[in-house]
Amino acid sequence: MPTILGQNQYGKAENRVVKITRDGATHHIKDLNVSVSLSGDMDEVHYSGSNVHVLPTDTTKNTVFAFAKEHGIESAEQFGIHLARHFVSSQEPIRTARIRIEEYAWERIEASDANSRFVGADEVKHSFVRKGQETRLTQITYDGESWEVVSGLKDLVVMNSTNSEFWGFVKDKYTTLPEAYDRILATQVSARWRFNWTDDEQKMPHWEKSYEQTRKHLLQAFAETYSLSLQQTLYQMGSRVINNRGEIDEIRFSLPNRHHFLVDLEPFGLKNDNEVYYAADRPYGLIEATVLRDGCTAKIPVDLTNL
């Protein structure tokens, strides 16, 4: 039976682009997931395999990153308009361009008093937390006599757009990673903390206040640590909680390092001055550790998936 070609489209899906705008010490973030679909005079590529009308999907990816530099990202809508207009007007075979954009919102982390900030900082303006992503957790165990309460959170996504370095690491013949003296540090915090309230004779913690304050200390420690490694940041986050929340004796973290790589814009005649990054979701470094009050014994499982 004869066949004919129906509706068709092609493009590059889920191009993760993070644009950092530096207004002096104040930084602004636009974090987008951009999907491009193009359609038009594409019959021959399907029938005969001729690519004469095909703009490579790799080119559409490069265009997204280059436009982030050339046009900036005023809004997701305006950025998509720039892209759609470009693809249709610059390529005669392309009749329709569909740009789908997801935007991930960030808000600034409110720092604590100036004395706890890193040396030389008047105000933290480069640290952000993703809005509305975290899930609050708790596990209560009771055997008729004693209680064990382990609470926590997951999917709390945070980022520092500067004040993070990574250098001086071991190098062997398989090492290709360059040393970094100014990088984005981002992670998705999964943390569990164990309360020292164990029986009814003790005064019960104020659970709501404890969660609110613990979360606050996690975020402030992340923002206020000049980081030479994610391990160092993890320890500072745990220490801040233990030192400020007397009801907590132990806290365990699982922190994936959400890598952001500078995009090479030189092929397009553009200089990337720490502005346009590729946000990679995998593979990722995974940093895990427990921070304890001195004299206490670790009880939270090493594998948080079992909790």
Foldseek 3Di string as FASTA:
>chain_A
DDDADDDDKDAAFFFWKWFWDDPDLAIDIWTKGKTKIWDFQDRCCVVPVDCPQPDDNVVLSLVLLVCCVVVNPPDPVVSQVVSFCCVPVVRPRTPGMDMDMDIWDKDAQAADDPVLADPPDPGQRFKIKTPPFKDKAWDWDDDPFKIKIKIWIWQTKIKGLWLEWEDPDDDDPPDDDDGGDTHMWMWIKTKMWIFPGIGPVDDDDPVVVLVVVLVSLLRNLLRRDSYHDVQVSVQSSQVSSVVPPVRTFKMKIKIWGFDWAQDDCVVVVDDCPSTMTGTDPPDTDIDIDMDGDPPDDDDQDRDVVVD
